[in-house]
All heavy atoms as atom14 arrays in JSON, in Angstrom:
{
  "sequence": "PITSFLVGYAAALRAGGAGAVSEANRQVTGLAEQWAAERENGA",
  "atom14_mask": [
    [1, 1, 1, 1, 1, 1, 1, 0, 0, 0, 0, 0, 0, 0],
    [1, 1, 1, 1, 1, 1, 1, 1, 0, 0, 0, 0, 0, 0],
    [1, 1, 1, 1, 1, 1, 1, 0, 0, 0, 0, 0, 0, 0],
    [1, 1, 1, 1, 1, 1, 0, 0, 0, 0, 0, 0, 0, 0],
    [1, 1, 1, 1, 1, 1, 1, 1, 1, 1, 1, 0, 0, 0],
    [1, 1, 1, 1, 1, 1, 1, 1, 0, 0, 0, 0, 0, 0],
    [1, 1, 1, 1, 1, 1, 1, 0, 0, 0, 0, 0, 0, 0],
    [1, 1, 1, 1, 0, 0, 0, 0, 0, 0, 0, 0, 0, 0],
    [1, 1, 1, 1, 1, 1, 1, 1, 1, 1, 1, 1, 0, 0],
    [1, 1, 1, 1, 1, 0, 0, 0, 0, 0, 0, 0, 0, 0],
    [1, 1, 1, 1, 1, 0, 0, 0, 0, 0, 0, 0, 0, 0],
    [1, 1, 1, 1, 1, 0, 0, 0, 0, 0, 0, 0, 0, 0],
    [1, 1, 1, 1, 1, 1, 1, 1, 0, 0, 0, 0, 0, 0],
    [1, 1, 1, 1, 1, 1, 1, 1, 1, 1, 1, 0, 0, 0],
    [1, 1, 1, 1, 1, 0, 0, 0, 0, 0, 0, 0, 0, 0],
    [1, 1, 1, 1, 0, 0, 0, 0, 0, 0, 0, 0, 0, 0],
    [1, 1, 1, 1, 0, 0, 0, 0, 0, 0, 0, 0, 0, 0],
    [1, 1, 1, 1, 1, 0, 0, 0, 0, 0, 0, 0, 0, 0],
    [1, 1, 1, 1, 0, 0, 0, 0, 0, 0, 0, 0, 0, 0],
    [1, 1, 1, 1, 1, 0, 0, 0, 0, 0, 0, 0, 0, 0],
    [1, 1, 1, 1, 1, 1, 1, 0, 0, 0, 0, 0, 0, 0],
    [1, 1, 1, 1, 1, 1, 0, 0, 0, 0, 0, 0, 0, 0],
    [1, 1, 1, 1, 1, 1, 1, 1, 1, 0, 0, 0, 0, 0],
    [1, 1, 1, 1, 1, 0, 0, 0, 0, 0, 0, 0, 0, 0],
    [1, 1, 1, 1, 1, 1, 1, 1, 0, 0, 0, 0, 0, 0],
    [1, 1, 1, 1, 1, 1, 1, 1, 1, 1, 1, 0, 0, 0],
    [1, 1, 1, 1, 1, 1, 1, 1, 1, 0, 0, 0, 0, 0],
    [1, 1, 1, 1, 1, 1, 1, 0, 0, 0, 0, 0, 0, 0],
    [1, 1, 1, 1, 1, 1, 1, 0, 0, 0, 0, 0, 0, 0],
    [1, 1, 1, 1, 0, 0, 0, 0, 0, 0, 0, 0, 0, 0],
    [1, 1, 1, 1, 1, 1, 1, 1, 0, 0, 0, 0, 0, 0],
    [1, 1, 1, 1, 1, 0, 0, 0, 0, 0, 0, 0, 0, 0],
    [1, 1, 1, 1, 1, 1, 1, 1, 1, 0, 0, 0, 0, 0],
    [1, 1, 1, 1, 1, 1, 1, 1, 1, 0, 0, 0, 0, 0],
    [1, 1, 1, 1, 1, 1, 1, 1, 1, 1, 1, 1, 1, 1],
    [1, 1, 1, 1, 1, 0, 0, 0, 0, 0, 0, 0, 0, 0],
    [1, 1, 1, 1, 1, 0, 0, 0, 0, 0, 0, 0, 0, 0],
    [1, 1, 1, 1, 1, 1, 1, 1, 1, 0, 0, 0, 0, 0],
    [1, 1, 1, 1, 1, 1, 1, 1, 1, 1, 1, 0, 0, 0],
    [1, 1, 1, 1, 1, 1, 1, 1, 1, 0, 0, 0, 0, 0],
    [1, 1, 1, 1, 1, 1, 1, 1, 0, 0, 0, 0, 0, 0],
    [1, 1, 1, 1, 0, 0, 0, 0, 0, 0, 0, 0, 0, 0],
    [1, 1, 1, 1, 1, 0, 0, 0, 0, 0, 0, 0, 0, 0]
  ],
  "atom14_positions": [
    [[7.45, -12.66, 1.4], [6.28, -13.55, 1.63], [5.15, -13.33, 0.64], [4.49, -14.3, 0.23], [5.86, -13.24, 3.06], [6.49, -11.95, 3.42], [7.71, -11.8, 2.54], [0.0, 0.0, 0.0], [0.0, 0.0, 0.0], [0.0, 0.0, 0.0], [0.0, 0.0, 0.0], [0.0, 0.0, 0.0], [0.0, 0.0, 0.0], [0.0, 0.0, 0.0]],
    [[4.95, -12.08, 0.23], [3.89, -11.82, -0.74], [4.25, -12.44, -2.08], [3.39, -13.02, -2.76], [3.69, -10.29, -0.92], [3.34, -9.63, 0.42], [2.64, -9.99, -1.98], [2.12, -10.19, 1.11], [0.0, 0.0, 0.0], [0.0, 0.0, 0.0], [0.0, 0.0, 0.0], [0.0, 0.0, 0.0], [0.0, 0.0, 0.0], [0.0, 0.0, 0.0]],
    [[5.52, -12.39, -2.45], [5.97, -13.01, -3.7], [5.81, -14.51, -3.64], [5.43, -15.15, -4.64], [7.41, -12.6, -4.02], [7.5, -11.18, -4.05], [7.87, -13.16, -5.35], [0.0, 0.0, 0.0], [0.0, 0.0, 0.0], [0.0, 0.0, 0.0], [0.0, 0.0, 0.0], [0.0, 0.0, 0.0], [0.0, 0.0, 0.0], [0.0, 0.0, 0.0]],
    [[6.06, -15.11, -2.48], [5.84, -16.56, -2.33], [4.38, -16.91, -2.57], [4.07, -17.9, -3.24], [6.23, -17.01, -0.91], [7.6, -16.89, -0.74], [0.0, 0.0, 0.0], [0.0, 0.0, 0.0], [0.0, 0.0, 0.0], [0.0, 0.0, 0.0], [0.0, 0.0, 0.0], [0.0, 0.0, 0.0], [0.0, 0.0, 0.0], [0.0, 0.0, 0.0]],
    [[3.48, -16.1, -2.04], [2.05, -16.31, -2.3], [1.77, -16.23, -3.79], [1.06, -17.05, -4.35], [1.21, -15.28, -1.53], [-0.2, -15.22, -2.02], [-1.12, -16.19, -1.65], [-0.62, -14.24, -2.88], [-2.44, -16.15, -2.11], [-1.91, -14.17, -3.36], [-2.83, -15.15, -2.98], [0.0, 0.0, 0.0], [0.0, 0.0, 0.0], [0.0, 0.0, 0.0]],
    [[2.33, -15.2, -4.46], [2.09, -15.02, -5.89], [2.62, -16.19, -6.7], [1.99, -16.6, -7.68], [2.71, -13.7, -6.36], [2.08, -12.43, -5.78], [2.89, -11.2, -6.19], [0.62, -12.3, -6.19], [0.0, 0.0, 0.0], [0.0, 0.0, 0.0], [0.0, 0.0, 0.0], [0.0, 0.0, 0.0], [0.0, 0.0, 0.0], [0.0, 0.0, 0.0]],
    [[3.77, -16.74, -6.3], [4.31, -17.93, -6.97], [3.32, -19.09, -6.85], [3.02, -19.77, -7.83], [5.7, -18.29, -6.41], [6.11, -19.72, -6.8], [6.75, -17.31, -6.89], [0.0, 0.0, 0.0], [0.0, 0.0, 0.0], [0.0, 0.0, 0.0], [0.0, 0.0, 0.0], [0.0, 0.0, 0.0], [0.0, 0.0, 0.0], [0.0, 0.0, 0.0]],
    [[2.8, -19.3, -5.66], [1.83, -20.37, -5.46], [0.56, -20.16, -6.25], [0.01, -21.09, -6.85], [0.0, 0.0, 0.0], [0.0, 0.0, 0.0], [0.0, 0.0, 0.0], [0.0, 0.0, 0.0], [0.0, 0.0, 0.0], [0.0, 0.0, 0.0], [0.0, 0.0, 0.0], [0.0, 0.0, 0.0], [0.0, 0.0, 0.0], [0.0, 0.0, 0.0]],
    [[0.1, -18.92, -6.28], [-1.12, -18.6, -7.03], [-0.91, -18.81, -8.53], [-1.74, -19.41, -9.22], [-1.54, -17.17, -6.73], [-2.94, -16.84, -7.2], [-4.04, -17.23, -6.45], [-3.13, -16.14, -8.38], [-5.32, -16.93, -6.88], [-4.42, -15.84, -8.83], [-5.51, -16.24, -8.06], [-6.77, -15.95, -8.49], [0.0, 0.0, 0.0], [0.0, 0.0, 0.0]],
    [[0.24, -18.34, -9.02], [0.56, -18.53, -10.45], [0.65, -20.01, -10.78], [0.15, -20.45, -11.82], [1.87, -17.84, -10.8], [0.0, 0.0, 0.0], [0.0, 0.0, 0.0], [0.0, 0.0, 0.0], [0.0, 0.0, 0.0], [0.0, 0.0, 0.0], [0.0, 0.0, 0.0], [0.0, 0.0, 0.0], [0.0, 0.0, 0.0], [0.0, 0.0, 0.0]],
    [[1.25, -20.8, -9.91], [1.36, -22.24, -10.15], [-0.03, -22.88, -10.19], [-0.3, -23.73, -11.04], [2.22, -22.89, -9.07], [0.0, 0.0, 0.0], [0.0, 0.0, 0.0], [0.0, 0.0, 0.0], [0.0, 0.0, 0.0], [0.0, 0.0, 0.0], [0.0, 0.0, 0.0], [0.0, 0.0, 0.0], [0.0, 0.0, 0.0], [0.0, 0.0, 0.0]],
    [[-0.92, -22.45, -9.31], [-2.28, -23.0, -9.29], [-3.01, -22.65, -10.58], [-3.74, -23.49, -11.13], [-3.04, -22.47, -8.08], [0.0, 0.0, 0.0], [0.0, 0.0, 0.0], [0.0, 0.0, 0.0], [0.0, 0.0, 0.0], [0.0, 0.0, 0.0], [0.0, 0.0, 0.0], [0.0, 0.0, 0.0], [0.0, 0.0, 0.0], [0.0, 0.0, 0.0]],
    [[-2.82, -21.44, -11.07], [-3.48, -21.04, -12.33], [-2.95, -21.84, -13.51], [-3.63, -21.97, -14.52], [-3.27, -19.55, -12.58], [-4.02, -18.6, -11.64], [-3.62, -17.17, -11.93], [-5.52, -18.78, -11.75], [0.0, 0.0, 0.0], [0.0, 0.0, 0.0], [0.0, 0.0, 0.0], [0.0, 0.0, 0.0], [0.0, 0.0, 0.0], [0.0, 0.0, 0.0]],
    [[-1.74, -22.35, -13.38], [-1.11, -23.14, -14.46], [-1.31, -24.63, -14.24], [-0.49, -25.42, -14.65], [0.38, -22.81, -14.5], [0.66, -21.36, -14.81], [2.1, -21.04, -14.69], [2.31, -19.61, -14.96], [3.45, -18.99, -14.76], [4.49, -19.66, -14.29], [3.55, -17.71, -15.0], [0.0, 0.0, 0.0], [0.0, 0.0, 0.0], [0.0, 0.0, 0.0]],
    [[-2.35, -25.01, -13.61], [-2.73, -26.4, -13.35], [-1.99, -27.03, -12.18], [-2.15, -28.2, -11.92], [-2.59, -27.26, -14.61], [0.0, 0.0, 0.0], [0.0, 0.0, 0.0], [0.0, 0.0, 0.0], [0.0, 0.0, 0.0], [0.0, 0.0, 0.0], [0.0, 0.0, 0.0], [0.0, 0.0, 0.0], [0.0, 0.0, 0.0], [0.0, 0.0, 0.0]],
    [[-1.21, -26.27, -11.46], [-0.58, -26.75, -10.23], [0.52, -27.76, -10.46], [0.99, -27.98, -11.57], [0.0, 0.0, 0.0], [0.0, 0.0, 0.0], [0.0, 0.0, 0.0], [0.0, 0.0, 0.0], [0.0, 0.0, 0.0], [0.0, 0.0, 0.0], [0.0, 0.0, 0.0], [0.0, 0.0, 0.0], [0.0, 0.0, 0.0], [0.0, 0.0, 0.0]],
    [[0.95, -28.35, -9.38], [2.02, -29.34, -9.41], [3.37, -28.72, -9.12], [3.57, -27.51, -9.23], [0.0, 0.0, 0.0], [0.0, 0.0, 0.0], [0.0, 0.0, 0.0], [0.0, 0.0, 0.0], [0.0, 0.0, 0.0], [0.0, 0.0, 0.0], [0.0, 0.0, 0.0], [0.0, 0.0, 0.0], [0.0, 0.0, 0.0], [0.0, 0.0, 0.0]],
    [[4.3, -29.57, -8.74], [5.65, -29.12, -8.38], [6.34, -28.43, -9.55], [7.06, -27.46, -9.36], [6.47, -30.29, -7.88], [0.0, 0.0, 0.0], [0.0, 0.0, 0.0], [0.0, 0.0, 0.0], [0.0, 0.0, 0.0], [0.0, 0.0, 0.0], [0.0, 0.0, 0.0], [0.0, 0.0, 0.0], [0.0, 0.0, 0.0], [0.0, 0.0, 0.0]],
    [[6.12, -28.91, -10.76], [6.75, -28.3, -11.93], [6.26, -26.88, -12.15], [7.05, -25.99, -12.49], [0.0, 0.0, 0.0], [0.0, 0.0, 0.0], [0.0, 0.0, 0.0], [0.0, 0.0, 0.0], [0.0, 0.0, 0.0], [0.0, 0.0, 0.0], [0.0, 0.0, 0.0], [0.0, 0.0, 0.0], [0.0, 0.0, 0.0], [0.0, 0.0, 0.0]],
    [[4.96, -26.65, -11.95], [4.41, -25.31, -12.1], [4.94, -24.38, -11.04], [5.22, -23.2, -11.31], [2.89, -25.35, -12.05], [0.0, 0.0, 0.0], [0.0, 0.0, 0.0], [0.0, 0.0, 0.0], [0.0, 0.0, 0.0], [0.0, 0.0, 0.0], [0.0, 0.0, 0.0], [0.0, 0.0, 0.0], [0.0, 0.0, 0.0], [0.0, 0.0, 0.0]],
    [[5.13, -24.87, -9.82], [5.72, -24.08, -8.76], [7.15, -23.69, -9.12], [7.56, -22.54, -9.02], [5.68, -24.81, -7.39], [6.46, -24.05, -6.35], [4.25, -25.03, -6.94], [0.0, 0.0, 0.0], [0.0, 0.0, 0.0], [0.0, 0.0, 0.0], [0.0, 0.0, 0.0], [0.0, 0.0, 0.0], [0.0, 0.0, 0.0], [0.0, 0.0, 0.0]],
    [[7.93, -24.66, -9.57], [9.32, -24.41, -9.95], [9.43, -23.39, -11.07], [10.27, -22.5, -11.06], [10.04, -25.7, -10.35], [10.29, -26.49, -9.22], [0.0, 0.0, 0.0], [0.0, 0.0, 0.0], [0.0, 0.0, 0.0], [0.0, 0.0, 0.0], [0.0, 0.0, 0.0], [0.0, 0.0, 0.0], [0.0, 0.0, 0.0], [0.0, 0.0, 0.0]],
    [[8.56, -23.53, -12.07], [8.61, -22.6, -13.21], [8.24, -21.18, -12.76], [8.92, -20.23, -13.13], [7.65, -23.07, -14.32], [7.62, -22.14, -15.51], [8.98, -21.87, -16.16], [9.86, -22.76, -16.11], [9.17, -20.77, -16.71], [0.0, 0.0, 0.0], [0.0, 0.0, 0.0], [0.0, 0.0, 0.0], [0.0, 0.0, 0.0], [0.0, 0.0, 0.0]],
    [[7.19, -21.03, -11.98], [6.81, -19.7, -11.49], [7.91, -19.14, -10.6], [8.21, -17.94, -10.65], [5.48, -19.78, -10.73], [0.0, 0.0, 0.0], [0.0, 0.0, 0.0], [0.0, 0.0, 0.0], [0.0, 0.0, 0.0], [0.0, 0.0, 0.0], [0.0, 0.0, 0.0], [0.0, 0.0, 0.0], [0.0, 0.0, 0.0], [0.0, 0.0, 0.0]],
    [[8.51, -19.99, -9.81], [9.6, -19.59, -8.93], [10.8, -19.07, -9.74], [11.36, -18.02, -9.44], [10.01, -20.76, -8.04], [10.97, -20.35, -6.97], [10.62, -19.51, -6.14], [12.15, -20.92, -6.97], [0.0, 0.0, 0.0], [0.0, 0.0, 0.0], [0.0, 0.0, 0.0], [0.0, 0.0, 0.0], [0.0, 0.0, 0.0], [0.0, 0.0, 0.0]],
    [[11.17, -19.8, -10.78], [12.28, -19.37, -11.64], [11.96, -18.05, -12.32], [12.81, -17.14, -12.4], [12.6, -20.44, -12.68], [13.42, -21.59, -12.15], [13.93, -22.49, -13.28], [12.85, -23.19, -13.96], [12.31, -24.32, -13.54], [12.75, -24.89, -12.43], [11.33, -24.9, -14.22], [0.0, 0.0, 0.0], [0.0, 0.0, 0.0], [0.0, 0.0, 0.0]],
    [[10.73, -17.91, -12.8], [10.33, -16.67, -13.47], [10.45, -15.47, -12.54], [11.0, -14.44, -12.92], [8.88, -16.77, -13.94], [8.7, -17.44, -15.25], [7.24, -17.35, -15.69], [6.38, -17.99, -15.1], [6.99, -16.53, -16.67], [0.0, 0.0, 0.0], [0.0, 0.0, 0.0], [0.0, 0.0, 0.0], [0.0, 0.0, 0.0], [0.0, 0.0, 0.0]],
    [[9.92, -15.59, -11.35], [9.9, -14.45, -10.43], [11.31, -14.15, -9.89], [11.63, -12.99, -9.65], [8.86, -14.64, -9.31], [9.36, -15.5, -8.17], [8.37, -13.3, -8.79], [0.0, 0.0, 0.0], [0.0, 0.0, 0.0], [0.0, 0.0, 0.0], [0.0, 0.0, 0.0], [0.0, 0.0, 0.0], [0.0, 0.0, 0.0], [0.0, 0.0, 0.0]],
    [[12.15, -15.16, -9.75], [13.52, -14.91, -9.33], [14.25, -14.08, -10.4], [14.9, -13.08, -10.08], [14.28, -16.23, -9.08], [13.61, -16.95, -8.02], [15.72, -15.99, -8.67], [0.0, 0.0, 0.0], [0.0, 0.0, 0.0], [0.0, 0.0, 0.0], [0.0, 0.0, 0.0], [0.0, 0.0, 0.0], [0.0, 0.0, 0.0], [0.0, 0.0, 0.0]],
    [[14.12, -14.48, -11.65], [14.72, -13.72, -12.72], [14.16, -12.32, -12.82], [14.9, -11.35, -13.05], [0.0, 0.0, 0.0], [0.0, 0.0, 0.0], [0.0, 0.0, 0.0], [0.0, 0.0, 0.0], [0.0, 0.0, 0.0], [0.0, 0.0, 0.0], [0.0, 0.0, 0.0], [0.0, 0.0, 0.0], [0.0, 0.0, 0.0], [0.0, 0.0, 0.0]],
    [[12.87, -12.19, -12.63], [12.22, -10.88, -12.65], [12.77, -9.97, -11.56], [13.07, -8.8, -11.79], [10.71, -11.03, -12.52], [9.89, -9.75, -12.52], [10.05, -9.01, -13.84], [8.43, -10.07, -12.27], [0.0, 0.0, 0.0], [0.0, 0.0, 0.0], [0.0, 0.0, 0.0], [0.0, 0.0, 0.0], [0.0, 0.0, 0.0], [0.0, 0.0, 0.0]],
    [[12.93, -10.51, -10.35], [13.45, -9.71, -9.23], [14.88, -9.27, -9.51], [15.25, -8.13, -9.22], [13.39, -10.51, -7.93], [0.0, 0.0, 0.0], [0.0, 0.0, 0.0], [0.0, 0.0, 0.0], [0.0, 0.0, 0.0], [0.0, 0.0, 0.0], [0.0, 0.0, 0.0], [0.0, 0.0, 0.0], [0.0, 0.0, 0.0], [0.0, 0.0, 0.0]],
    [[15.69, -10.15, -10.05], [17.08, -9.79, -10.38], [17.12, -8.71, -11.46], [17.88, -7.75, -11.36], [17.87, -11.03, -10.8], [18.08, -12.0, -9.65], [18.6, -13.36, -10.07], [18.46, -13.73, -11.27], [19.16, -14.04, -9.2], [0.0, 0.0, 0.0], [0.0, 0.0, 0.0], [0.0, 0.0, 0.0], [0.0, 0.0, 0.0], [0.0, 0.0, 0.0]],
    [[16.3, -8.88, -12.49], [16.23, -7.89, -13.57], [15.7, -6.56, -13.05], [16.23, -5.5, -13.36], [15.33, -8.41, -14.69], [15.16, -7.44, -15.83], [14.18, -7.98, -16.88], [13.78, -9.13, -16.85], [13.79, -7.12, -17.8], [0.0, 0.0, 0.0], [0.0, 0.0, 0.0], [0.0, 0.0, 0.0], [0.0, 0.0, 0.0], [0.0, 0.0, 0.0]],
    [[14.67, -6.61, -12.24], [14.06, -5.41, -11.68], [15.06, -4.62, -10.88], [15.17, -3.4, -11.01], [12.87, -5.85, -10.81], [11.96, -4.79, -10.35], [10.86, -4.29, -11.03], [12.01, -4.08, -9.12], [10.25, -3.34, -10.26], [10.93, -3.18, -9.09], [12.87, -4.12, -8.03], [10.68, -2.33, -8.01], [12.64, -3.28, -6.96], [11.56, -2.39, -6.95]],
    [[15.84, -5.31, -10.02], [16.85, -4.65, -9.2], [17.96, -4.07, -10.06], [18.42, -2.94, -9.8], [17.43, -5.65, -8.19], [0.0, 0.0, 0.0], [0.0, 0.0, 0.0], [0.0, 0.0, 0.0], [0.0, 0.0, 0.0], [0.0, 0.0, 0.0], [0.0, 0.0, 0.0], [0.0, 0.0, 0.0], [0.0, 0.0, 0.0], [0.0, 0.0, 0.0]],
    [[18.4, -4.79, -11.09], [19.45, -4.29, -11.97], [19.01, -3.04, -12.71], [19.77, -2.08, -12.85], [19.88, -5.37, -12.96], [0.0, 0.0, 0.0], [0.0, 0.0, 0.0], [0.0, 0.0, 0.0], [0.0, 0.0, 0.0], [0.0, 0.0, 0.0], [0.0, 0.0, 0.0], [0.0, 0.0, 0.0], [0.0, 0.0, 0.0], [0.0, 0.0, 0.0]],
    [[17.77, -3.02, -13.16], [17.24, -1.85, -13.86], [17.2, -0.63, -12.94], [17.53, 0.48, -13.34], [15.85, -2.13, -14.42], [15.88, -3.06, -15.6], [14.48, -3.5, -16.04], [13.48, -3.13, -15.39], [14.42, -4.27, -17.02], [0.0, 0.0, 0.0], [0.0, 0.0, 0.0], [0.0, 0.0, 0.0], [0.0, 0.0, 0.0], [0.0, 0.0, 0.0]],
    [[16.82, -0.84, -11.68], [16.78, 0.25, -10.74], [18.17, 0.74, -10.4], [18.41, 1.92, -10.28], [16.07, -0.17, -9.46], [14.64, -0.13, -9.74], [13.51, -0.38, -9.34], [12.29, -0.29, -9.99], [11.89, -0.83, -11.13], [12.7, -1.45, -11.89], [10.67, -0.72, -11.53], [0.0, 0.0, 0.0], [0.0, 0.0, 0.0], [0.0, 0.0, 0.0]],
    [[19.11, -0.2, -10.3], [20.51, 0.17, -10.02], [21.09, 0.96, -11.19], [21.75, 1.96, -11.0], [21.34, -1.09, -9.77], [22.76, -0.8, -9.35], [23.52, -2.06, -9.04], [23.04, -2.85, -8.21], [24.59, -2.26, -9.66], [0.0, 0.0, 0.0], [0.0, 0.0, 0.0], [0.0, 0.0, 0.0], [0.0, 0.0, 0.0], [0.0, 0.0, 0.0]],
    [[20.82, 0.5, -12.4], [21.33, 1.21, -13.57], [20.68, 2.58, -13.7], [21.33, 3.54, -14.12], [21.08, 0.39, -14.84], [21.97, -0.83, -14.92], [23.0, -0.89, -14.28], [21.54, -1.83, -15.66], [0.0, 0.0, 0.0], [0.0, 0.0, 0.0], [0.0, 0.0, 0.0], [0.0, 0.0, 0.0], [0.0, 0.0, 0.0], [0.0, 0.0, 0.0]],
    [[19.4, 2.68, -13.38], [18.73, 3.97, -13.42], [19.29, 4.94, -12.39], [19.47, 6.13, -12.67], [0.0, 0.0, 0.0], [0.0, 0.0, 0.0], [0.0, 0.0, 0.0], [0.0, 0.0, 0.0], [0.0, 0.0, 0.0], [0.0, 0.0, 0.0], [0.0, 0.0, 0.0], [0.0, 0.0, 0.0], [0.0, 0.0, 0.0], [0.0, 0.0, 0.0]],
    [[19.62, 4.44, -11.2], [20.21, 5.27, -10.17], [21.61, 5.72, -10.55], [22.02, 6.84, -10.27], [20.22, 4.54, -8.84], [0.0, 0.0, 0.0], [0.0, 0.0, 0.0], [0.0, 0.0, 0.0], [0.0, 0.0, 0.0], [0.0, 0.0, 0.0], [0.0, 0.0, 0.0], [0.0, 0.0, 0.0], [0.0, 0.0, 0.0], [0.0, 0.0, 0.0]]
  ]
}
């Protein structure tokens, strides 16, 4: 839920709109996948 808030906030900072929400959403999804993979590889 906190990440959902951050996606909305990022979209608002980028002038808002559905496209800005989708772009922030795609960015954070990729970031979460990368973040988890890095932690898994480190472990």
